[in-house]
Protein backbone atom coordinates (compact mmCIF):
# COMPACT_ATOMS: atom_id res chain seq x y z
CA MET A 1 138.02 158.18 93.19
CA GLU A 2 135.80 160.37 91.43
CA PRO A 3 132.46 161.01 92.98
CA LEU A 4 129.60 159.30 91.67
CA ASP A 5 126.57 160.93 90.01
CA GLU A 6 123.63 159.77 87.79
CA THR A 7 125.81 159.61 84.93
CA SER A 8 128.47 157.06 86.57
CA SER A 9 129.05 153.85 84.92
CA LEU A 10 127.67 150.72 86.62
CA LEU A 11 129.51 148.68 85.13
CA PRO A 12 132.49 148.08 87.64
CA GLU A 13 130.07 146.99 90.14
CA ASP A 14 128.29 144.90 88.12
CA ASN A 15 131.50 143.09 87.04
CA GLN A 16 132.14 142.74 90.70
CA LEU A 17 128.37 141.27 91.78
CA GLU A 18 129.32 138.82 89.23
CA ARG A 19 132.56 137.71 89.89
CA THR A 20 130.74 137.62 93.42
CA VAL A 21 128.14 135.41 92.28
CA SER A 22 130.35 133.20 90.33
CA ALA A 23 132.85 132.46 93.44
CA LEU A 24 129.84 131.68 95.50
CA GLU A 25 128.45 129.47 93.26
CA ARG A 26 131.74 127.78 93.11
CA SER A 27 131.76 127.27 96.93
CA TYR A 28 128.30 125.82 96.98
CA HIS A 29 129.03 123.28 94.11
CA GLU A 30 132.64 122.56 96.16
CA HIS A 31 130.24 121.78 99.54
CA ASN A 32 127.84 119.93 97.65
CA LEU A 33 130.57 117.40 96.36
CA SER A 34 131.89 117.10 99.97
CA LEU A 35 128.81 115.97 101.45
CA PRO A 36 128.64 112.22 102.47
CA LYS A 37 127.36 110.56 99.54
CA ILE A 38 126.60 106.91 100.62
CA PRO A 39 124.05 108.30 103.42
CA ILE A 40 122.18 110.43 100.67
CA LEU A 41 122.40 108.10 97.99
CA LEU A 42 120.93 105.27 100.45
CA SER A 43 118.04 107.80 101.44
CA LEU A 44 117.43 108.51 98.00
CA TRP A 45 117.81 104.82 96.21
CA LEU A 46 115.62 103.01 98.70
CA GLY A 47 112.91 105.70 98.30
CA SER A 48 113.51 104.84 94.94
CA PHE A 49 113.52 101.14 95.18
CA LEU A 50 110.28 100.95 97.49
CA SER A 51 108.56 103.29 94.79
CA SER A 52 109.70 100.80 91.91
CA ILE A 53 108.68 97.49 93.89
CA ASP A 54 105.38 99.22 95.04
CA GLY A 55 104.05 99.68 91.61
CA THR A 56 104.88 96.01 90.50
CA ILE A 57 103.39 94.80 93.59
CA VAL A 58 100.17 96.73 92.94
CA ALA A 59 99.89 95.19 89.47
CA ASN A 60 99.95 91.57 90.75
CA ILE A 61 97.64 91.52 93.69
CA MET A 62 95.01 94.40 92.35
CA ASN A 63 92.78 91.28 91.44
CA GLY A 64 93.36 89.36 94.70
CA VAL A 65 92.83 92.71 96.68
CA ALA A 66 89.47 93.49 95.05
CA GLU A 67 88.13 89.94 95.00
CA GLU A 68 88.97 90.33 98.82
CA PHE A 69 86.57 93.38 99.14
CA HIS A 70 84.19 91.70 96.54
CA GLU A 71 84.39 95.03 94.34
CA SER A 72 86.09 93.02 91.36
CA ASP A 73 84.33 95.86 89.10
CA LYS A 74 86.09 98.79 90.43
CA LYS A 75 89.62 97.17 90.25
CA GLN A 76 90.81 99.80 87.49
CA TRP A 77 90.78 102.38 90.51
CA ILE A 78 93.58 100.94 92.28
CA ALA A 79 95.86 100.76 89.47
CA THR A 80 94.50 104.21 88.43
CA SER A 81 94.79 106.45 91.33
CA TYR A 82 98.14 106.27 92.59
CA LEU A 83 99.46 106.87 88.58
CA LEU A 84 96.93 109.65 88.46
CA THR A 85 98.67 111.74 91.39
CA ASN A 86 102.17 110.37 90.22
CA THR A 87 101.28 112.32 86.78
CA ALA A 88 100.16 115.56 88.13
CA PHE A 89 102.72 115.99 91.01
CA GLN A 90 105.68 114.53 89.67
CA PRO A 91 106.62 117.90 87.31
CA LEU A 92 105.89 120.09 90.05
CA TYR A 93 108.75 118.53 92.60
CA GLY A 94 111.29 119.75 90.47
CA LYS A 95 110.04 123.69 90.47
CA LEU A 96 109.49 122.98 94.36
CA SER A 97 113.05 121.87 95.34
CA ASP A 98 114.30 125.33 93.25
CA ILE A 99 111.96 127.41 95.48
CA ALA A 100 112.50 125.39 98.79
CA GLY A 101 115.48 123.67 98.46
CA ARG A 102 116.11 120.03 97.83
CA LYS A 103 115.59 118.48 101.49
CA PHE A 104 112.22 119.89 101.76
CA ALA A 105 111.06 118.88 98.66
CA VAL A 106 112.60 115.18 99.35
CA LEU A 107 110.92 115.01 102.94
CA THR A 108 107.57 115.83 101.30
CA ALA A 109 107.80 113.18 99.03
CA HIS A 110 108.79 110.65 101.75
CA PHE A 111 105.76 111.83 103.62
CA PHE A 112 103.20 111.68 101.51
CA PHE A 113 104.16 108.30 100.05
CA GLY A 114 104.72 106.86 103.82
CA LEU A 115 101.13 108.46 104.87
CA GLY A 116 99.68 107.04 101.73
CA CYS A 117 101.39 103.36 102.77
CA LEU A 118 99.65 103.37 106.18
CA LEU A 119 96.32 104.48 105.12
CA THR A 120 96.33 101.37 103.05
CA CYS A 121 96.98 99.11 105.49
CA PHE A 122 93.81 99.96 107.25
CA ALA A 123 91.40 100.03 103.64
CA GLN A 124 88.11 98.45 104.24
CA ASN A 125 87.22 98.61 100.56
CA VAL A 126 88.33 99.27 97.39
CA THR A 127 87.40 103.21 97.21
CA GLN A 128 89.20 103.63 101.06
CA PHE A 129 92.43 101.41 99.19
CA SER A 130 92.49 103.91 96.11
CA ILE A 131 92.44 107.00 98.02
CA ALA A 132 95.00 105.74 99.95
CA ARG A 133 97.23 105.00 96.99
CA ALA A 134 96.03 108.34 95.69
CA ILE A 135 98.03 109.70 98.50
CA CYS A 136 100.93 107.62 98.19
CA GLY A 137 100.84 108.54 94.38
CA ILE A 138 101.59 112.26 95.17
CA GLY A 139 104.75 111.03 97.22
CA GLY A 140 106.03 108.23 94.24
CA GLY A 141 106.58 111.12 91.75
CA GLY A 142 108.35 113.27 93.94
CA ILE A 143 110.70 110.37 95.04
CA ASN A 144 111.79 109.49 91.48
CA ALA A 145 111.92 112.71 90.24
CA MET A 146 113.92 114.15 93.26
CA SER A 147 116.10 111.12 93.41
CA SER A 148 117.49 112.52 89.97
CA ILE A 149 117.89 115.84 90.33
CA THR A 150 119.50 115.19 94.07
CA VAL A 151 122.36 113.44 92.55
CA SER A 152 123.05 115.68 89.97
CA ASP A 153 123.87 118.32 92.63
CA ILE A 154 126.50 115.92 94.78
CA CYS A 155 128.23 114.48 91.67
CA THR A 156 130.64 115.87 88.94
CA THR A 157 129.44 115.39 85.65
CA ARG A 158 131.79 112.31 84.90
CA GLU A 159 130.30 110.52 87.97
CA ARG A 160 126.47 111.30 86.85
CA GLY A 161 126.46 108.51 83.98
CA ILE A 162 127.78 105.92 86.33
CA PHE A 163 125.66 106.86 89.40
CA GLN A 164 122.52 107.22 86.97
CA GLY A 165 123.42 103.75 86.04
CA TYR A 166 123.38 102.29 89.48
CA ALA A 167 120.17 104.41 90.02
CA ASN A 168 118.65 102.29 86.93
CA ILE A 169 120.10 99.01 88.72
CA VAL A 170 118.01 100.21 91.94
CA PHE A 171 114.85 101.09 90.32
CA GLY A 172 114.92 97.84 87.97
CA SER A 173 115.25 95.27 91.02
CA GLY A 174 112.47 96.41 92.17
CA GLN A 175 110.28 96.12 89.48
CA ILE A 176 111.78 92.88 88.91
CA LEU A 177 110.79 91.82 92.83
CA GLY A 178 107.65 93.48 93.20
CA GLY A 179 105.46 90.51 91.65
CA PRO A 180 107.10 87.71 93.21
CA ILE A 181 107.40 89.58 96.47
CA GLY A 182 103.89 90.66 96.46
CA GLY A 183 102.28 87.37 95.36
CA ILE A 184 104.20 85.47 98.30
CA PHE A 185 102.92 87.87 100.73
CA LEU A 186 98.90 87.38 99.17
CA ASP A 187 99.31 83.90 99.11
CA SER A 188 100.56 83.48 102.91
CA ILE A 189 100.56 86.55 105.34
CA GLY A 190 98.05 88.84 103.28
CA TRP A 191 98.84 92.27 101.43
CA ARG A 192 98.40 94.43 104.54
CA PRO A 193 101.96 93.99 105.82
CA LEU A 194 103.17 94.68 102.54
CA PHE A 195 102.38 97.84 103.02
CA ALA A 196 102.94 98.47 106.59
CA ILE A 197 106.86 97.37 106.03
CA GLN A 198 107.46 100.08 103.94
CA VAL A 199 106.27 102.94 106.52
CA PRO A 200 109.25 102.33 108.83
CA LEU A 201 111.75 102.25 105.75
CA ILE A 202 110.33 105.11 104.55
CA MET A 203 110.94 107.03 107.88
CA VAL A 204 114.56 105.76 107.49
CA CYS A 205 114.92 107.38 104.42
CA SER A 206 113.55 110.80 105.97
CA LEU A 207 115.65 110.54 108.88
CA LEU A 208 118.81 110.34 106.57
CA THR A 209 117.45 113.12 104.18
CA TYR A 210 117.31 115.20 107.19
CA ILE A 211 120.72 114.67 108.44
CA ASN A 212 122.78 114.59 105.42
CA VAL A 213 121.08 116.19 102.53
CA ASN A 214 122.61 119.61 103.38
CA ILE A 215 122.65 120.96 99.41
CA LYS A 216 123.42 124.68 99.06
CA LEU A 217 121.92 126.04 95.64
CA ILE A 218 122.58 130.09 94.60
CA HIS A 219 118.55 129.99 93.31
CA VAL A 220 117.06 128.58 95.94
CA PRO A 221 115.98 132.22 98.10
CA PRO A 222 116.50 132.12 101.75
CA ILE A 223 114.38 130.41 104.16
CA HIS A 224 112.27 133.54 105.38
CA GLU A 225 111.46 134.20 101.69
CA ARG A 226 110.54 130.50 100.42
CA PHE A 227 107.26 130.27 101.38
CA THR A 228 105.70 133.58 99.93
CA TRP A 229 103.13 133.58 97.79
CA LYS A 230 105.41 135.46 94.96
CA ASN A 231 107.79 132.66 95.47
CA LEU A 232 105.31 129.71 95.63
CA SER A 233 103.13 131.35 92.73
CA ARG A 234 105.86 129.77 90.34
CA ILE A 235 104.65 126.37 91.10
CA ASP A 236 102.02 125.86 88.25
CA ILE A 237 99.26 123.97 90.72
CA PHE A 238 96.21 125.10 88.78
CA GLY A 239 97.60 123.32 86.01
CA SER A 240 98.22 120.28 87.68
CA ILE A 241 94.92 120.30 89.21
CA SER A 242 92.83 121.02 86.30
CA LEU A 243 94.92 118.34 84.53
CA VAL A 244 94.01 116.04 87.23
CA ILE A 245 90.16 116.83 87.03
CA THR A 246 90.23 116.59 83.14
CA ILE A 247 92.15 112.94 83.51
CA SER A 248 89.56 111.94 86.05
CA GLY A 249 86.65 113.01 84.15
CA VAL A 250 87.74 110.76 81.14
CA LEU A 251 87.73 107.80 83.30
CA PHE A 252 84.58 108.79 85.21
CA LEU A 253 82.77 109.05 81.80
CA THR A 254 84.18 105.64 80.96
CA SER A 255 83.94 103.32 83.94
CA THR A 256 80.56 104.63 85.77
CA ASN A 257 77.12 105.24 85.80
CA LEU A 258 77.13 109.04 86.87
CA ASN A 259 75.14 111.42 85.03
CA LYS A 260 76.80 111.68 81.99
CA ALA A 261 76.14 114.99 81.15
CA VAL A 262 77.59 116.54 84.13
CA LEU A 263 80.41 114.36 84.11
CA LEU A 264 81.00 115.90 80.47
CA PHE A 265 80.49 119.04 81.32
CA ILE A 266 83.06 118.92 84.19
CA THR A 267 85.80 117.24 81.99
CA VAL A 268 85.31 119.69 79.13
CA ALA A 269 85.47 122.72 81.69
CA SER A 270 88.49 121.60 83.47
CA PHE A 271 90.32 121.32 79.87
CA LEU A 272 89.48 124.44 78.96
CA ILE A 273 90.44 125.59 82.30
CA PHE A 274 93.62 124.04 81.60
CA LEU A 275 94.58 125.26 78.30
CA TRP A 276 93.85 128.78 79.83
CA VAL A 277 96.04 128.28 82.53
CA GLU A 278 98.86 127.17 80.57
CA VAL A 279 98.81 129.80 77.91
CA TYR A 280 97.72 132.80 79.48
CA TYR A 281 98.24 132.43 83.61
CA ALA A 282 100.79 130.41 84.59
CA LYS A 283 104.56 131.78 85.02
CA GLU A 284 105.98 128.70 84.59
CA ARG A 285 104.25 126.03 82.74
CA ILE A 286 103.77 122.41 82.93
CA ILE A 287 103.40 122.15 79.02
CA PRO A 288 105.36 125.01 77.19
CA PHE A 289 103.05 124.23 73.95
CA GLU A 290 105.56 126.50 71.96
CA LEU A 291 107.79 123.71 72.13
CA LEU A 292 105.85 120.89 70.86
CA LYS A 293 106.36 121.39 67.10
CA GLY A 294 107.91 119.13 64.82
CA ALA A 295 110.05 116.10 65.35
CA PHE A 296 109.36 116.14 69.08
CA GLY A 297 105.46 116.87 69.03
CA LEU A 298 105.68 113.64 66.74
CA SER A 299 108.13 111.85 69.77
CA SER A 300 105.46 113.13 72.27
CA ILE A 301 102.56 111.27 70.62
CA ALA A 302 104.73 108.41 70.30
CA THR A 303 106.04 108.50 73.82
CA VAL A 304 101.96 108.80 75.27
CA ILE A 305 101.21 105.70 72.94
CA SER A 306 104.12 103.46 73.80
CA SER A 307 103.12 103.93 77.63
CA PHE A 308 99.68 103.49 77.21
CA VAL A 309 100.65 100.16 75.49
CA VAL A 310 102.92 98.69 77.98
CA PHE A 311 101.24 99.67 81.35
CA GLY A 312 97.90 98.08 79.67
CA ASP A 313 99.84 95.04 79.22
CA ILE A 314 101.41 95.17 82.92
CA PHE A 315 98.22 95.51 84.80
CA ARG A 316 96.07 93.25 82.48
CA SER A 317 98.32 90.53 82.05
CA PRO A 318 98.45 89.47 85.89
CA ILE A 319 94.27 89.31 85.71
CA TYR A 320 93.88 87.36 82.79
CA LEU A 321 96.65 84.44 84.33
CA GLN A 322 95.04 84.50 87.59
CA LEU A 323 91.27 84.63 86.50
CA ILE A 324 91.46 82.71 83.36
CA GLN A 325 94.39 80.53 83.75
CA ASN A 326 94.03 79.89 87.51
CA ILE A 327 97.34 80.50 88.23
CA SER A 328 98.45 81.60 91.59
CA VAL A 329 99.38 85.22 92.85
CA THR A 330 103.00 84.05 93.24
CA LYS A 331 103.39 82.54 90.04
CA THR A 332 102.23 85.21 88.27
CA GLY A 333 104.74 87.46 89.87
CA LEU A 334 107.44 85.13 88.33
CA TYR A 335 105.85 86.06 84.84
CA LEU A 336 106.14 89.86 85.54
CA LEU A 337 109.94 88.97 86.08
CA PHE A 338 110.52 88.65 82.22
CA PRO A 339 109.31 92.02 80.98
CA SER A 340 111.08 94.08 84.03
CA MET A 341 114.23 92.35 82.60
CA ALA A 342 113.70 92.98 79.24
CA THR A 343 113.06 96.90 80.14
CA ALA A 344 116.62 97.04 81.50
CA VAL A 345 118.23 94.86 78.98
CA GLY A 346 116.64 97.01 76.12
CA SER A 347 117.54 100.47 78.09
CA ILE A 348 121.53 99.24 78.33
CA LEU A 349 121.45 97.89 74.40
CA THR A 350 119.91 101.08 73.15
CA GLY A 351 122.29 103.27 75.05
CA HIS A 352 125.09 101.11 73.61
CA ILE A 353 123.92 101.52 70.12
CA LEU A 354 123.39 105.02 70.46
CA ARG A 355 127.09 105.55 71.78
CA THR A 356 128.67 103.72 69.10
CA THR A 357 126.38 104.81 65.88
CA LYS A 358 127.81 106.28 62.93
CA LEU A 359 124.50 107.76 62.02
CA ASN A 360 123.47 111.05 63.18
CA ILE A 361 121.95 110.68 66.91
CA ALA A 362 118.51 111.81 66.25
CA HIS A 363 118.25 110.05 62.87
CA CYS A 364 119.56 106.93 64.94
CA ALA A 365 116.76 107.52 67.75
CA SER A 366 114.05 107.57 65.29
CA LEU A 367 115.00 104.42 63.91
CA ILE A 368 115.14 102.66 67.24
CA ASN A 369 111.83 104.48 68.21
CA PHE A 370 110.06 102.88 65.25
CA TRP A 371 111.57 99.57 65.71
CA GLY A 372 110.37 99.36 69.04
CA MET A 373 106.98 100.22 68.55
CA VAL A 374 107.09 97.68 65.68
CA LEU A 375 107.92 95.24 68.71
CA GLN A 376 105.29 96.68 71.01
CA PHE A 377 102.68 96.24 68.33
CA GLY A 378 104.10 92.51 67.24
CA GLY A 379 104.19 91.49 70.97
CA LEU A 380 100.34 92.67 71.12
CA ILE A 381 98.96 90.69 68.31
CA VAL A 382 101.06 87.61 69.62
CA GLU A 383 99.59 87.84 72.83
CA TYR A 384 95.80 88.65 71.26
CA LEU A 385 96.07 85.22 69.13
CA LEU A 386 97.44 83.19 72.01
CA ILE A 387 94.68 84.38 74.52
CA ALA A 388 92.23 83.21 71.72
CA HIS A 389 93.54 79.83 71.02
CA VAL A 390 94.35 78.81 74.87
CA ASN A 391 91.78 77.20 76.41
CA PRO A 392 90.65 78.27 79.91
CA SER A 393 91.66 76.34 83.23
CA MET A 394 89.00 74.55 84.93
CA ALA A 395 88.93 74.36 88.71
CA THR A 396 89.04 70.79 88.74
CA LYS A 397 92.70 70.93 86.56
CA GLU A 398 91.09 68.52 84.22
CA VAL A 399 91.92 69.20 80.61
CA VAL A 400 89.76 71.20 78.45
CA LYS A 401 88.45 69.87 75.06
CA ALA A 402 88.56 72.41 72.16
CA LEU A 403 86.02 75.51 72.55
CA MET A 404 86.73 76.29 68.59
CA SER A 405 86.52 74.25 65.70
CA PRO A 406 88.72 70.98 65.35
CA SER A 407 91.01 73.22 62.50
CA THR A 408 92.24 75.54 64.71
CA VAL A 409 95.23 75.38 66.68
CA GLU A 410 94.61 75.24 70.31
CA PHE A 411 96.43 74.98 73.46
CA GLU A 412 95.95 73.10 76.86
CA SER A 413 95.65 75.58 79.74
CA THR A 414 98.29 72.81 81.42
CA ALA A 415 100.99 73.15 78.43
CA TYR A 416 104.02 75.02 78.89
CA THR A 417 104.75 76.08 75.25
CA TRP A 418 101.64 78.65 75.52
CA LYS A 419 103.44 79.89 78.59
CA VAL A 420 106.63 80.50 77.08
CA ILE A 421 105.04 82.03 74.13
CA PHE A 422 103.29 84.56 76.45
CA ILE A 423 106.19 85.47 78.52
CA CYS A 424 107.97 85.97 75.24
CA ALA A 425 105.18 88.25 73.46
CA SER A 426 104.90 90.38 76.83
CA THR A 427 108.72 90.72 77.21
CA ALA A 428 108.63 92.30 73.49
CA VAL A 429 106.42 94.68 74.54
CA ALA A 430 108.12 95.61 77.51
CA PHE A 431 111.37 95.54 75.22
CA GLY A 432 110.08 97.84 72.76
CA TYR A 433 109.00 100.32 75.43
CA SER A 434 112.57 100.78 76.46
CA LEU A 435 114.00 101.34 73.18
CA LEU A 436 111.54 104.15 72.95
CA LEU A 437 112.11 105.96 76.33
CA VAL A 438 115.59 105.62 76.29
CA ALA A 439 116.37 106.44 72.42
CA THR A 440 114.17 109.73 72.95
CA LEU A 441 115.70 111.00 76.32
CA VAL A 442 119.23 110.60 74.43
CA SER A 443 118.17 112.50 71.39
CA ILE A 444 116.73 115.26 73.52
CA VAL A 445 120.36 115.67 75.02
CA PHE A 446 121.64 115.07 71.70
CA THR A 447 119.50 117.43 69.58
CA ILE A 448 117.96 120.33 72.02
CA ASP A 449 119.53 123.11 72.99
CA ARG A 450 120.84 123.00 76.82
CA SER A 451 118.96 125.88 78.14
CA GLN A 452 115.71 123.89 77.47
CA GLN A 453 116.63 120.34 77.87
CA GLY A 454 115.64 120.32 81.56
CA THR A 455 111.68 121.76 80.09
CA MET A 456 111.75 118.98 77.38
CA THR A 457 112.99 116.14 79.54
CA GLY A 458 110.10 117.12 82.25
CA ILE A 459 107.57 117.33 79.31
CA PHE A 460 108.56 113.83 78.06
CA TYR A 461 108.05 112.45 81.72
CA LEU A 462 104.90 114.04 81.99
CA TRP A 463 103.71 112.09 78.29
CA ARG A 464 104.86 109.17 79.96
CA SER A 465 103.10 109.31 83.00
CA ILE A 466 99.99 110.54 80.96
CA GLY A 467 100.35 106.98 78.91
CA ASN A 468 100.77 105.17 82.02
CA VAL A 469 97.63 106.18 84.05
CA LEU A 470 95.37 106.08 80.60
CA GLY A 471 96.71 102.79 79.58
CA ALA A 472 96.29 100.96 83.01
CA SER A 473 92.98 102.36 83.30
CA LEU A 474 91.38 102.41 79.84
CA THR A 475 92.39 99.05 79.26
CA LEU A 476 90.77 97.94 82.20
CA VAL A 477 87.78 100.22 81.65
CA VAL A 478 86.92 98.52 78.33
CA TYR A 479 87.61 94.94 79.81
CA GLU A 480 85.18 95.77 82.65
CA ASN A 481 82.64 97.30 80.52
CA SER A 482 82.74 94.45 77.84
CA LEU A 483 82.72 91.78 80.41
CA SER A 484 79.41 93.29 81.87
CA LYS A 485 77.61 93.48 78.32
CA PHE A 486 79.00 89.72 77.64
CA LEU A 487 77.87 88.38 80.79
CA TRP A 488 74.25 89.85 80.59
CA ASN A 489 73.97 88.59 77.08
CA TYR A 490 75.43 85.05 77.76
CA MET A 491 73.30 84.53 81.10
CA PHE A 492 69.99 86.18 79.79
CA ASP A 493 69.95 87.01 76.21
CA SER A 494 71.29 84.04 74.90
CA ASP A 495 70.11 80.35 73.66
CA SER A 496 73.20 78.79 74.06
CA THR A 497 72.30 77.30 77.28
CA THR A 498 69.53 76.21 79.47
CA TYR A 499 70.91 77.09 82.95
CA LYS A 500 68.81 79.32 84.84
CA PHE A 501 70.85 82.23 85.84
CA THR A 502 69.94 84.44 88.53
CA LYS A 503 70.38 88.60 88.93
CA GLU A 504 71.80 87.75 92.04
CA GLN A 505 74.56 85.38 90.20
CA TYR A 506 75.21 88.06 87.89
CA GLU A 507 75.90 90.87 90.18
CA LYS A 508 78.40 88.57 92.38
CA LEU A 509 80.27 87.90 89.27
CA ILE A 510 80.48 91.34 88.20
CA LYS A 511 81.73 92.55 91.95
CA ASP A 512 83.86 89.28 92.99
CA SER A 513 85.63 87.24 90.38
CA ALA A 514 86.60 84.70 92.43
CA TYR A 515 83.14 83.82 92.89
CA LEU A 516 83.55 82.79 89.17
CA ARG A 517 85.54 79.46 90.54
CA SER A 518 83.90 78.93 93.99
CA SER A 519 80.06 79.29 93.02
CA GLY A 520 79.88 75.51 92.18
CA PHE A 521 78.40 76.17 88.46
CA PRO A 522 78.64 73.05 86.45
CA LYS A 523 81.60 72.27 84.47
CA LYS A 524 79.60 73.33 81.03
CA ILE A 525 78.61 76.26 82.81
CA LEU A 526 81.66 77.04 83.93
CA ARG A 527 83.54 76.51 80.58
CA GLY A 528 80.97 78.75 78.98
CA LEU A 529 81.64 81.33 81.58
CA LEU A 530 85.06 81.15 81.36
CA ASN A 531 85.05 81.68 77.35
CA VAL A 532 82.89 85.32 77.91
CA TYR A 533 85.62 86.41 80.28
CA ARG A 534 88.37 85.48 77.35
CA ASN A 535 86.23 87.46 74.95
CA ALA A 536 86.35 90.40 77.41
CA PHE A 537 90.29 90.41 77.56
CA LEU A 538 90.34 90.35 73.92
CA VAL A 539 88.20 93.34 73.28
CA SER A 540 90.45 95.09 75.70
CA TYR A 541 93.43 94.61 73.06
CA VAL A 542 91.63 96.32 70.36
CA PRO A 543 92.48 100.05 71.51
CA ASN A 544 96.14 98.82 72.50
CA LEU A 545 96.47 97.02 69.09
CA ALA A 546 94.73 100.39 67.29
CA LEU A 547 97.25 102.89 68.90
CA ALA A 548 100.25 100.91 68.80
CA PHE A 549 99.32 101.03 64.91
CA SER A 550 99.20 104.33 64.86
CA GLY A 551 102.29 104.92 66.44
CA ILE A 552 103.92 103.00 63.88
CA VAL A 553 102.47 105.39 61.06
CA ILE A 554 103.58 108.38 63.13
CA LEU A 555 107.43 107.07 63.80
CA TRP A 556 107.44 106.08 60.01
CA PHE A 557 106.92 109.77 59.25
CA LEU A 558 109.39 110.92 61.76
CA VAL A 559 112.17 108.58 59.97
CA ARG A 560 111.30 109.95 56.57
CA LEU A 561 111.78 113.25 58.37
CA TYR A 562 114.99 112.53 59.25
CA ASP A 563 115.50 110.79 56.25
CA ARG A 564 115.16 114.03 54.05
CA VAL A 565 117.27 116.08 56.78
CA SER A 566 120.17 113.88 56.53
CA LYS A 567 120.18 113.97 52.66
CA THR A 568 119.64 118.05 53.02
CA THR A 569 122.68 118.18 55.29
CA GLY A 570 124.90 115.38 53.91
CA GLU A 571 125.03 113.90 57.11
CA ILE A 572 124.45 109.85 57.67
């Protein structure tokens, strides 16, 4: 062998290194495939089930919890706190698992979820409840993200689709059962045991994860290098924090009486910091803006809108049914069954259409997205008209006479007709959401280069999460703000009643919605107050309807874009 000098070629050594890396990668892949799947999947899917059931539990019991603490005016924070931290931290778990390993990331998610559930049990007011839910959301976002990532490591490509189907069934089952279970607990032994029972279950998940999730990945650094600043700086933590502050600032501006000028300054400053971090500082950004162009940019806007609409509906409907129609929490949980089932059915149907269509995949997906948004808009219109024409339920269960003109179609509160129509409308909203959700994901897989699919999918889930948190929070904020204004006008500035209200009654109605039926108001006054609450619910539909219509327009342009592309390329 000739002696080496500075002119010697290093190609043989490079080839040897590539062969060594490739052999090691194959060895790790074979090791991962040989791991016991049942205990790993049990730890992942039990966590996903708890996370999904937790969401619909809270949507159903939220009003009851706020009433118990006599803080009904703060109920939006019960929904928002979990979704806010879920939005911020979910994108970080994938990167954390690449830096510190899958096991550490899963255990981290379990820890925060369990800690949040435990703290929720001891909450003494809405603020403490919301903080505990925020801690829970840090883990909840990671549980769902890590479930998908880890399953990909232990399954072959052929098995991946099968196990993803099973995972969807588990997640959907949790969403379906959450509402009824939450109602049963709240009406029987209270809401605290609901969260307490999740703590030992998530601990079982952690034990199974610690024992069985021994995944080896060639790109994960050795243990002694995992928590160095150089490695951890790859996580865009500053981008996430500034994004959370920006969204929180918007919520505080619209829902509190804090200094508006200070809040506006903080919100704008945090947004500018977020942009600076994403453009100039972050090594691996949450949102690579250069990818948000053309068709994917339009799809991103539509995803935010669709998520906004469906989560606004999920958190508004139980409050309307419980407060205006005096339906028990247990029964309102049953109303949530149908939208949850519609989401599962819509996902399966969309997958089948895209698998069998003869159209170009992206073109077909754009059509499905368009009609999904049309369904959501139509469902909202029906709900709006129905609420406007259904008489509120009186505490005495007495049938109420028409509140509007005799020529207007009215439904009695005790009738089944309006309930069936309401279920169909809310089901249409959820069904349309599932069409758009799956069609967009599939179009990413088929139209985006493989090297960018992970990034684009992560961005898609981020847009969905942002839509979730804004939809749930701003819908309830609009309702609460409208209610405060309408109640004051009815009680003190209106000549429609001679009843003498007090400011103490006004404060009680704002802070404790249960006071509406327990205060002993005369039937005529109760009817008028219920009408005020109903009008506030109607106003809360306005931003959702406006956004849904905007989504239809945006997706119509997307359909036309793919029509032109198809004609140009000669594809169908």
